[in-house]
C-alpha atoms as a PDB file:
ATOM      1  CA  MET A   1      67.071 -13.477   0.827  1.00  0.00           C
ATOM      2  CA  PRO A   2      66.378 -16.267  -1.693  1.00  0.00           C
ATOM      3  CA  LYS A   3      66.190 -15.318  -5.346  1.00  0.00           C
ATOM      4  CA  LEU A   4      62.695 -15.705  -6.826  1.00  0.00           C
ATOM      5  CA  GLU A   5      62.684 -17.351 -10.195  1.00  0.00           C
ATOM      6  CA  ILE A   6      59.567 -17.240 -12.329  1.00  0.00           C
ATOM      7  CA  ARG A   7      59.407 -19.761 -15.166  1.00  0.00           C
ATOM      8  CA  LEU A   8      57.109 -18.967 -18.059  1.00  0.00           C
ATOM      9  CA  PRO A   9      55.760 -21.722 -20.285  1.00  0.00           C
ATOM     10  CA  GLY A  10      57.306 -21.874 -23.717  1.00  0.00           C
ATOM     11  CA  PRO A  11      60.661 -22.177 -25.335  1.00  0.00           C
ATOM     12  CA  VAL A  12      63.533 -22.476 -22.873  1.00  0.00           C
ATOM     13  CA  GLY A  13      66.812 -22.048 -24.768  1.00  0.00           C
ATOM     14  CA  HIS A  14      67.905 -19.858 -27.640  1.00  0.00           C
ATOM     15  CA  LEU A  15      67.401 -22.656 -30.174  1.00  0.00           C
ATOM     16  CA  ASP A  16      63.826 -23.238 -28.897  1.00  0.00           C
ATOM     17  CA  TRP A  17      63.059 -19.559 -29.340  1.00  0.00           C
ATOM     18  CA  LEU A  18      64.601 -19.596 -32.782  1.00  0.00           C
ATOM     19  CA  ARG A  19      62.489 -22.640 -33.684  1.00  0.00           C
ATOM     20  CA  ALA A  20      59.338 -20.882 -32.413  1.00  0.00           C
ATOM     21  CA  CYS A  21      60.118 -17.720 -34.381  1.00  0.00           C
ATOM     22  CA  LEU A  22      60.988 -19.611 -37.530  1.00  0.00           C
ATOM     23  CA  GLY A  23      57.828 -21.734 -37.183  1.00  0.00           C
ATOM     24  CA  ALA A  24      55.652 -18.629 -36.827  1.00  0.00           C
ATOM     25  CA  LEU A  25      57.425 -16.927 -39.763  1.00  0.00           C
ATOM     26  CA  LEU A  26      56.929 -19.890 -42.057  1.00  0.00           C
ATOM     27  CA  GLY A  27      53.453 -20.759 -40.757  1.00  0.00           C
ATOM     28  CA  ILE A  28      51.983 -17.291 -41.096  1.00  0.00           C
ATOM     29  CA  GLY A  29      53.936 -16.570 -44.289  1.00  0.00           C
ATOM     30  CA  LEU A  30      52.823 -19.711 -46.104  1.00  0.00           C
ATOM     31  CA  THR A  31      49.233 -19.482 -44.806  1.00  0.00           C
ATOM     32  CA  GLY A  32      49.034 -15.868 -45.961  1.00  0.00           C
ATOM     33  CA  LEU A  33      50.510 -16.658 -49.344  1.00  0.00           C
ATOM     34  CA  VAL A  34      48.234 -19.628 -50.076  1.00  0.00           C
ATOM     35  CA  CYS A  35      45.125 -17.765 -48.898  1.00  0.00           C
ATOM     36  CA  HIS A  36      46.127 -14.647 -50.879  1.00  0.00           C
ATOM     37  CA  VAL A  37      46.290 -16.710 -54.051  1.00  0.00           C
ATOM     38  CA  TRP A  38      43.113 -18.663 -53.233  1.00  0.00           C
ATOM     39  CA  LEU A  39      41.036 -15.640 -52.203  1.00  0.00           C
ATOM     40  CA  ALA A  40      42.223 -13.303 -54.965  1.00  0.00           C
ATOM     41  CA  GLY A  41      38.709 -12.976 -56.319  1.00  0.00           C
ATOM     42  CA  ALA A  42      37.235 -11.781 -52.989  1.00  0.00           C
ATOM     43  CA  PRO A  43      37.712  -7.995 -52.945  1.00  0.00           C
ATOM     44  CA  GLY A  44      38.166  -6.497 -49.538  1.00  0.00           C
ATOM     45  CA  LEU A  45      38.104  -9.828 -47.712  1.00  0.00           C
ATOM     46  CA  PRO A  46      41.278 -10.429 -45.661  1.00  0.00           C
ATOM     47  CA  TYR A  47      43.367 -13.385 -46.771  1.00  0.00           C
ATOM     48  CA  LEU A  48      44.902 -13.676 -43.312  1.00  0.00           C
ATOM     49  CA  VAL A  49      43.005 -12.939 -40.116  1.00  0.00           C
ATOM     50  CA  ALA A  50      44.652 -11.385 -37.065  1.00  0.00           C
ATOM     51  CA  PRO A  51      43.678 -14.142 -34.588  1.00  0.00           C
ATOM     52  CA  MET A  52      45.967 -16.505 -36.556  1.00  0.00           C
ATOM     53  CA  GLY A  53      48.922 -14.478 -35.303  1.00  0.00           C
ATOM     54  CA  ALA A  54      47.952 -15.364 -31.743  1.00  0.00           C
ATOM     55  CA  SER A  55      47.336 -18.962 -32.748  1.00  0.00           C
ATOM     56  CA  ALA A  56      50.808 -19.072 -34.324  1.00  0.00           C
ATOM     57  CA  VAL A  57      52.373 -17.891 -31.049  1.00  0.00           C
ATOM     58  CA  LEU A  58      50.643 -20.733 -29.222  1.00  0.00           C
ATOM     59  CA  LEU A  59      51.290 -23.370 -31.900  1.00  0.00           C
ATOM     60  CA  PHE A  60      54.998 -22.660 -32.195  1.00  0.00           C
ATOM     61  CA  ALA A  61      55.975 -21.320 -28.789  1.00  0.00           C
ATOM     62  CA  VAL A  62      53.903 -23.595 -26.535  1.00  0.00           C
ATOM     63  CA  PRO A  63      52.790 -26.531 -28.713  1.00  0.00           C
ATOM     64  CA  ALA A  64      52.251 -28.810 -25.708  1.00  0.00           C
ATOM     65  CA  SER A  65      49.612 -26.482 -24.170  1.00  0.00           C
ATOM     66  CA  PRO A  66      46.076 -27.911 -24.025  1.00  0.00           C
ATOM     67  CA  LEU A  67      44.974 -24.612 -25.561  1.00  0.00           C
ATOM     68  CA  THR A  68      47.030 -25.383 -28.665  1.00  0.00           C
ATOM     69  CA  GLN A  69      45.970 -28.900 -29.517  1.00  0.00           C
ATOM     70  CA  PRO A  70      44.316 -29.495 -32.895  1.00  0.00           C
ATOM     71  CA  TRP A  71      40.721 -29.645 -31.689  1.00  0.00           C
ATOM     72  CA  SER A  72      41.167 -26.506 -29.554  1.00  0.00           C
ATOM     73  CA  MET A  73      42.821 -24.563 -32.339  1.00  0.00           C
ATOM     74  CA  LEU A  74      40.475 -25.534 -35.149  1.00  0.00           C
ATOM     75  CA  ALA A  75      37.148 -25.621 -33.338  1.00  0.00           C
ATOM     76  CA  GLY A  76      38.049 -22.676 -31.110  1.00  0.00           C
ATOM     77  CA  ASN A  77      38.664 -20.390 -34.076  1.00  0.00           C
ATOM     78  CA  ILE A  78      35.825 -21.689 -36.255  1.00  0.00           C
ATOM     79  CA  LEU A  79      33.103 -21.842 -33.589  1.00  0.00           C
ATOM     80  CA  SER A  80      34.091 -18.464 -32.210  1.00  0.00           C
ATOM     81  CA  THR A  81      34.020 -16.876 -35.644  1.00  0.00           C
ATOM     82  CA  PHE A  82      30.610 -18.407 -36.295  1.00  0.00           C
ATOM     83  CA  THR A  83      29.438 -16.966 -32.967  1.00  0.00           C
ATOM     84  CA  GLY A  84      30.784 -13.549 -33.920  1.00  0.00           C
ATOM     85  CA  VAL A  85      29.084 -13.591 -37.325  1.00  0.00           C
ATOM     86  CA  LEU A  86      25.863 -14.677 -35.657  1.00  0.00           C
ATOM     87  CA  CYS A  87      26.039 -11.744 -33.237  1.00  0.00           C
ATOM     88  CA  ALA A  88      26.960  -9.299 -36.036  1.00  0.00           C
ATOM     89  CA  THR A  89      23.996 -10.545 -38.051  1.00  0.00           C
ATOM     90  CA  PHE A  90      21.368 -10.179 -35.370  1.00  0.00           C
ATOM     91  CA  ILE A  91      22.737  -7.324 -33.201  1.00  0.00           C
ATOM     92  CA  THR A  92      23.170  -4.141 -35.205  1.00  0.00           C
ATOM     93  CA  ASN A  93      24.927  -2.112 -32.509  1.00  0.00           C
ATOM     94  CA  GLU A  94      28.625  -3.117 -32.531  1.00  0.00           C
ATOM     95  CA  LEU A  95      29.143  -1.857 -28.977  1.00  0.00           C
ATOM     96  CA  VAL A  96      26.545  -4.413 -27.851  1.00  0.00           C
ATOM     97  CA  ALA A  97      27.423  -7.161 -30.316  1.00  0.00           C
ATOM     98  CA  ALA A  98      31.182  -7.181 -29.582  1.00  0.00           C
ATOM     99  CA  PRO A  99      31.138  -8.124 -25.866  1.00  0.00           C
ATOM    100  CA  ILE A 100      28.223 -10.519 -26.408  1.00  0.00           C
ATOM    101  CA  ALA A 101      30.175 -12.208 -29.198  1.00  0.00           C
ATOM    102  CA  VAL A 102      33.280 -12.707 -27.025  1.00  0.00           C
ATOM    103  CA  ALA A 103      31.256 -13.905 -24.047  1.00  0.00           C
ATOM    104  CA  LEU A 104      29.252 -16.352 -26.181  1.00  0.00           C
ATOM    105  CA  ALA A 105      32.440 -17.542 -27.892  1.00  0.00           C
ATOM    106  CA  ILE A 106      33.866 -18.446 -24.503  1.00  0.00           C
ATOM    107  CA  ALA A 107      30.660 -20.299 -23.588  1.00  0.00           C
ATOM    108  CA  VAL A 108      30.635 -22.153 -26.938  1.00  0.00           C
ATOM    109  CA  MET A 109      34.313 -23.089 -26.692  1.00  0.00           C
ATOM    110  CA  ARG A 110      33.752 -24.309 -23.122  1.00  0.00           C
ATOM    111  CA  ALA A 111      30.772 -26.386 -24.136  1.00  0.00           C
ATOM    112  CA  ALA A 112      32.698 -27.877 -27.095  1.00  0.00           C
ATOM    113  CA  ARG A 113      35.818 -28.402 -24.938  1.00  0.00           C
ATOM    114  CA  CYS A 114      37.955 -26.347 -27.304  1.00  0.00           C
ATOM    115  CA  ILE A 115      39.198 -23.328 -25.402  1.00  0.00           C
ATOM    116  CA  HIS A 116      41.613 -21.410 -27.603  1.00  0.00           C
ATOM    117  CA  PRO A 117      42.233 -17.799 -26.509  1.00  0.00           C
ATOM    118  CA  PRO A 118      42.543 -16.413 -30.073  1.00  0.00           C
ATOM    119  CA  GLY A 119      38.907 -17.492 -30.466  1.00  0.00           C
ATOM    120  CA  GLY A 120      37.886 -14.425 -28.558  1.00  0.00           C
ATOM    121  CA  ALA A 121      39.683 -12.283 -31.102  1.00  0.00           C
ATOM    122  CA  ALA A 122      38.080 -14.289 -33.922  1.00  0.00           C
ATOM    123  CA  ALA A 123      34.611 -13.515 -32.551  1.00  0.00           C
ATOM    124  CA  LEU A 124      35.507  -9.867 -32.093  1.00  0.00           C
ATOM    125  CA  THR A 125      36.926  -9.605 -35.635  1.00  0.00           C
ATOM    126  CA  ALA A 126      33.716 -11.020 -37.046  1.00  0.00           C
ATOM    127  CA  VAL A 127      31.789  -8.193 -35.382  1.00  0.00           C
ATOM    128  CA  LEU A 128      34.231  -5.306 -35.909  1.00  0.00           C
ATOM    129  CA  GLY A 129      36.012  -6.408 -39.090  1.00  0.00           C
ATOM    130  CA  GLY A 130      34.328  -3.993 -41.442  1.00  0.00           C
ATOM    131  CA  PRO A 131      32.018  -4.006 -44.444  1.00  0.00           C
ATOM    132  CA  ALA A 132      33.746  -6.813 -46.384  1.00  0.00           C
ATOM    133  CA  ILE A 133      33.450  -9.229 -43.474  1.00  0.00           C
ATOM    134  CA  LYS A 134      29.838  -8.223 -42.802  1.00  0.00           C
ATOM    135  CA  ALA A 135      29.058  -8.688 -46.525  1.00  0.00           C
ATOM    136  CA  ALA A 136      30.650 -12.142 -46.495  1.00  0.00           C
ATOM    137  CA  GLY A 137      28.409 -13.208 -43.652  1.00  0.00           C
ATOM    138  CA  PHE A 138      28.687 -16.844 -42.671  1.00  0.00           C
ATOM    139  CA  SER A 139      30.979 -17.623 -45.631  1.00  0.00           C
ATOM    140  CA  TYR A 140      33.625 -15.658 -43.706  1.00  0.00           C
ATOM    141  CA  VAL A 141      33.776 -18.573 -41.277  1.00  0.00           C
ATOM    142  CA  LEU A 142      35.018 -20.877 -44.045  1.00  0.00           C
ATOM    143  CA  ALA A 143      37.091 -18.427 -46.081  1.00  0.00           C
ATOM    144  CA  PRO A 144      39.314 -17.143 -44.742  1.00  0.00           C
ATOM    145  CA  VAL A 145      39.012 -18.325 -41.109  1.00  0.00           C
ATOM    146  CA  ALA A 146      38.649 -22.111 -41.427  1.00  0.00           C
ATOM    147  CA  PHE A 147      41.041 -22.156 -44.360  1.00  0.00           C
ATOM    148  CA  ASN A 148      43.636 -20.143 -42.340  1.00  0.00           C
ATOM    149  CA  ALA A 149      43.187 -22.426 -39.336  1.00  0.00           C
ATOM    150  CA  VAL A 150      43.543 -25.691 -41.305  1.00  0.00           C
ATOM    151  CA  LEU A 151      46.631 -24.458 -43.164  1.00  0.00           C
ATOM    152  CA  LEU A 152      48.326 -23.078 -40.041  1.00  0.00           C
ATOM    153  CA  LEU A 153      47.554 -26.234 -38.107  1.00  0.00           C
ATOM    154  CA  GLY A 154      48.940 -28.416 -40.878  1.00  0.00           C
ATOM    155  CA  LEU A 155      52.111 -26.334 -41.018  1.00  0.00           C
ATOM    156  CA  ALA A 156      52.425 -26.449 -37.222  1.00  0.00           C
ATOM    157  CA  TRP A 157      52.194 -30.227 -37.315  1.00  0.00           C
ATOM    158  CA  LEU A 158      54.768 -30.417 -40.116  1.00  0.00           C
ATOM    159  CA  LEU A 159      57.242 -27.894 -38.692  1.00  0.00           C
ATOM    160  CA  ASN A 160      57.036 -28.837 -35.007  1.00  0.00           C
ATOM    161  CA  ASN A 161      57.630 -32.513 -35.847  1.00  0.00           C
ATOM    162  CA  ALA A 162      60.434 -31.597 -38.303  1.00  0.00           C
ATOM    163  CA  PHE A 163      62.079 -29.680 -35.447  1.00  0.00           C
ATOM    164  CA  ARG A 164      61.669 -32.788 -33.216  1.00  0.00           C
ATOM    165  CA  HIS A 165      59.058 -31.144 -31.064  1.00  0.00           C
ATOM    166  CA  PRO A 166      56.216 -33.676 -31.087  1.00  0.00           C
ATOM    167  CA  TYR A 167      52.862 -32.203 -32.096  1.00  0.00           C
ATOM    168  CA  PRO A 168      50.098 -32.807 -31.287  1.00  0.00           C
ATOM    169  CA  HIS A 169      51.123 -33.321 -27.709  1.00  0.00           C
ATOM    170  CA  ARG A 170      50.144 -36.636 -26.181  1.00  0.00           C
ATOM    171  CA  VAL A 171      49.974 -37.019 -22.432  1.00  0.00           C
ATOM    172  CA  GLU A 172      51.297 -40.345 -21.260  1.00  0.00           C
ATOM    173  CA  LEU A 173      49.333 -41.708 -18.335  1.00  0.00           C
ATOM    174  CA  LYS A 174      51.262 -43.776 -15.863  1.00  0.00           C
ATOM    175  CA  PRO A 175      49.449 -46.657 -14.166  1.00  0.00           C
ATOM    176  CA  ALA A 176      48.846 -46.121 -10.471  1.00  0.00           C
END
């Protein structure tokens, strides 16, 4: 009986995995540090949002994925967060607002051609994130979400290219 081999996208060898882990460590660490310093005057507001952890996995483990390219990462997180804040603002019941926010985030990302799976978590966090996020309202989209996304993306560009893993990924089209 032939052996079935399943290949998952992402780092292949031990050095690729080490590069991905180191990239995520530095990317999340530096993003968190910069945002912590910058947002020190915003009591209760997170300086690092959870969807950035998922974005870091994509940016450093599968940087060639279409879901990880700069437009997808930035716009996906920002537009989805905006959608979540919008839902949280106008729908008072979180059990209703949460699924609507995620569904609308998918629709918005699809329309803007920026599908980024952590965007669903960004929309959900905007609805369920607690009183500080609700109090921040639409400013939450800029700080911390947009700021986190821009910093993490810049670090992904710097680190991936420093590790000789070209980012953003460019598809070369061959003439027919």
